[in-house]
Amino acid sequence: MPTLVMAVHPQCPCTRASLAELALIMARLKGRLRAHVLFLLPGGTDSTWAEGGMWSTAAAIPGVTPHLDADGVEASRFGVETSGHTLLYDRDGALLFSGGITPSRGHEGDSVGRSAIVSLVEDGSSPLKVTVVYGCALHESP
């Protein structure tokens, strides 16, 4: 099964739109995709800093598992620097897509990123493999 990974800054207002788009993707691809959302947890903060409303939103999406990402270590391993950056891997671990899934910063709606992910999972191909990510920097206060 393909795997989606999204890194988010839980205090970034743009994250709401990214999670809303993720919910649409997961509903469309029900049972054909698993997703993990990495919630930044800066040093010196406890888990309540990250486990607020957006954590609950992510956890409520079927097929999505939220994770705390201490100091953004996991996001850094994926080369991700912006909240909402989404990666799609095939079942063998090959990267299929990297980018944003919103049409602009903090906005929901049809986007080339969402379309690319759906096409890659449903059809096995997409003309787009990379899109622009609109969001706050993971390692700065929004």
Protein backbone atom coordinates (compact mmCIF):
# COMPACT_ATOMS: atom_id res chain seq x y z
CA MET A 1 0.00 0.00 0.00
CA PRO A 2 1.35 3.50 -0.76
CA THR A 3 2.31 5.67 2.19
CA LEU A 4 1.86 9.42 2.55
CA VAL A 5 3.91 11.49 5.00
CA MET A 6 3.04 15.09 5.87
CA ALA A 7 5.04 17.32 8.20
CA VAL A 8 3.19 20.11 10.01
CA HIS A 9 3.80 22.95 12.42
CA PRO A 10 0.87 22.66 14.85
CA GLN A 11 0.78 26.43 15.44
CA CYS A 12 0.73 27.36 11.74
CA PRO A 13 -2.73 28.54 10.62
CA CYS A 14 -2.01 27.20 7.12
CA THR A 15 -1.97 23.65 8.53
CA ARG A 16 -5.78 23.61 8.78
CA ALA A 17 -6.06 23.79 5.00
CA SER A 18 -3.43 21.07 4.51
CA LEU A 19 -5.29 18.74 6.88
CA ALA A 20 -8.60 19.49 5.14
CA GLU A 21 -7.05 18.55 1.80
CA LEU A 22 -5.56 15.42 3.36
CA ALA A 23 -9.04 14.45 4.57
CA LEU A 24 -10.34 14.74 0.99
CA ILE A 25 -7.48 12.62 -0.34
CA MET A 26 -8.03 9.93 2.27
CA ALA A 27 -11.80 9.87 1.66
CA ARG A 28 -11.28 9.52 -2.09
CA LEU A 29 -8.64 6.80 -1.72
CA LYS A 30 -10.35 5.01 1.16
CA GLY A 31 -8.38 1.92 2.13
CA ARG A 32 -5.78 2.34 -0.65
CA LEU A 33 -3.39 4.69 1.16
CA ARG A 34 -2.02 5.05 4.67
CA ALA A 35 -0.83 8.39 6.00
CA HIS A 36 1.39 9.67 8.79
CA VAL A 37 1.35 13.29 9.95
CA LEU A 38 4.48 14.48 11.75
CA PHE A 39 3.69 17.22 14.29
CA LEU A 40 6.69 19.38 15.14
CA LEU A 41 7.52 19.39 18.86
CA PRO A 42 10.29 21.92 19.55
CA GLY A 43 12.73 21.32 22.39
CA GLY A 44 11.60 22.77 25.67
CA THR A 45 7.90 22.12 24.98
CA ASP A 46 5.75 19.28 26.17
CA SER A 47 3.40 17.21 24.03
CA THR A 48 0.39 19.45 24.76
CA TRP A 49 2.03 22.12 22.57
CA ALA A 50 1.54 19.88 19.54
CA GLU A 51 -1.44 17.75 20.58
CA GLY A 52 -4.12 20.40 20.23
CA GLY A 53 -6.99 20.87 17.83
CA MET A 54 -5.04 20.10 14.67
CA TRP A 55 -3.74 16.87 16.21
CA SER A 56 -7.35 15.86 16.89
CA THR A 57 -8.29 16.80 13.33
CA ALA A 58 -5.54 14.58 11.90
CA ALA A 59 -6.34 11.71 14.26
CA ALA A 60 -10.00 11.80 13.19
CA ILE A 61 -9.17 11.22 9.51
CA PRO A 62 -9.54 7.50 8.70
CA GLY A 63 -6.20 6.00 7.70
CA VAL A 64 -4.12 8.79 9.26
CA THR A 65 -1.77 8.36 12.21
CA PRO A 66 -0.36 11.49 13.90
CA HIS A 67 3.14 11.41 15.42
CA LEU A 68 5.14 13.80 17.56
CA ASP A 69 8.33 14.89 15.80
CA ALA A 70 10.78 16.01 18.51
CA ASP A 71 12.78 18.99 17.22
CA GLY A 72 11.65 18.16 13.68
CA VAL A 73 14.19 15.34 13.41
CA GLU A 74 11.94 13.15 11.26
CA ALA A 75 10.91 16.03 8.99
CA SER A 76 14.60 16.83 8.51
CA ARG A 77 15.31 13.22 7.56
CA PHE A 78 12.73 13.58 4.81
CA GLY A 79 14.24 16.92 3.73
CA VAL A 80 11.05 18.78 4.66
CA GLU A 81 11.21 22.40 5.87
CA THR A 82 7.67 23.77 5.41
CA SER A 83 4.42 22.96 7.20
CA GLY A 84 2.14 20.99 4.91
CA HIS A 85 4.94 19.44 2.86
CA THR A 86 3.60 16.09 1.70
CA LEU A 87 5.45 13.08 0.39
CA LEU A 88 3.99 10.02 -1.30
CA TYR A 89 5.90 6.73 -1.45
CA ASP A 90 4.97 3.58 -3.31
CA ARG A 91 4.72 0.26 -1.50
CA ASP A 92 8.42 -0.37 -2.13
CA GLY A 93 9.48 2.96 -0.62
CA ALA A 94 10.19 4.87 -3.83
CA LEU A 95 9.29 8.56 -3.71
CA LEU A 96 6.42 9.32 -6.10
CA PHE A 97 5.46 12.87 -5.10
CA SER A 98 6.85 15.75 -3.05
CA GLY A 99 5.12 19.08 -2.43
CA GLY A 100 2.07 20.90 -1.22
CA ILE A 101 -1.56 19.84 -1.52
CA THR A 102 -3.24 23.25 -1.11
CA PRO A 103 -3.85 25.73 -3.95
CA SER A 104 -2.29 28.60 -1.98
CA ARG A 105 -1.22 29.49 1.54
CA GLY A 106 -3.94 28.58 4.03
CA HIS A 107 -6.56 27.94 1.34
CA GLU A 108 -8.54 24.82 0.59
CA GLY A 109 -9.76 23.78 -2.85
CA ASP A 110 -8.74 21.99 -6.00
CA SER A 111 -4.97 21.78 -6.22
CA VAL A 112 -2.45 20.20 -8.53
CA GLY A 113 -0.85 18.47 -5.53
CA ARG A 114 -4.04 16.77 -4.44
CA SER A 115 -4.79 15.76 -8.04
CA ALA A 116 -1.29 14.35 -8.49
CA ILE A 117 -1.52 12.16 -5.37
CA VAL A 118 -4.95 10.84 -6.30
CA SER A 119 -3.79 10.09 -9.84
CA LEU A 120 -0.63 8.35 -8.65
CA VAL A 121 -2.58 6.06 -6.32
CA GLU A 122 -5.54 5.42 -8.65
CA ASP A 123 -3.76 5.26 -12.01
CA GLY A 124 -0.09 4.79 -11.16
CA SER A 125 0.98 7.95 -12.93
CA SER A 126 0.80 11.73 -12.89
CA PRO A 127 2.42 14.41 -15.03
CA LEU A 128 3.37 16.24 -11.80
CA LYS A 129 5.74 14.81 -9.24
CA VAL A 130 6.68 18.07 -7.44
CA THR A 131 4.55 21.06 -6.40
CA VAL A 132 5.05 24.25 -4.42
CA VAL A 133 4.44 24.03 -0.66
CA TYR A 134 2.50 26.89 0.92
CA GLY A 135 2.94 27.11 4.68
CA CYS A 136 5.01 28.32 7.59
CA ALA A 137 8.60 27.25 8.07
CA LEU A 138 8.75 24.30 10.46
CA HIS A 139 11.53 25.77 12.56
CA GLU A 140 10.19 29.30 12.99
CA SER A 141 7.24 30.65 14.94
CA PRO A 142 4.32 31.33 12.59
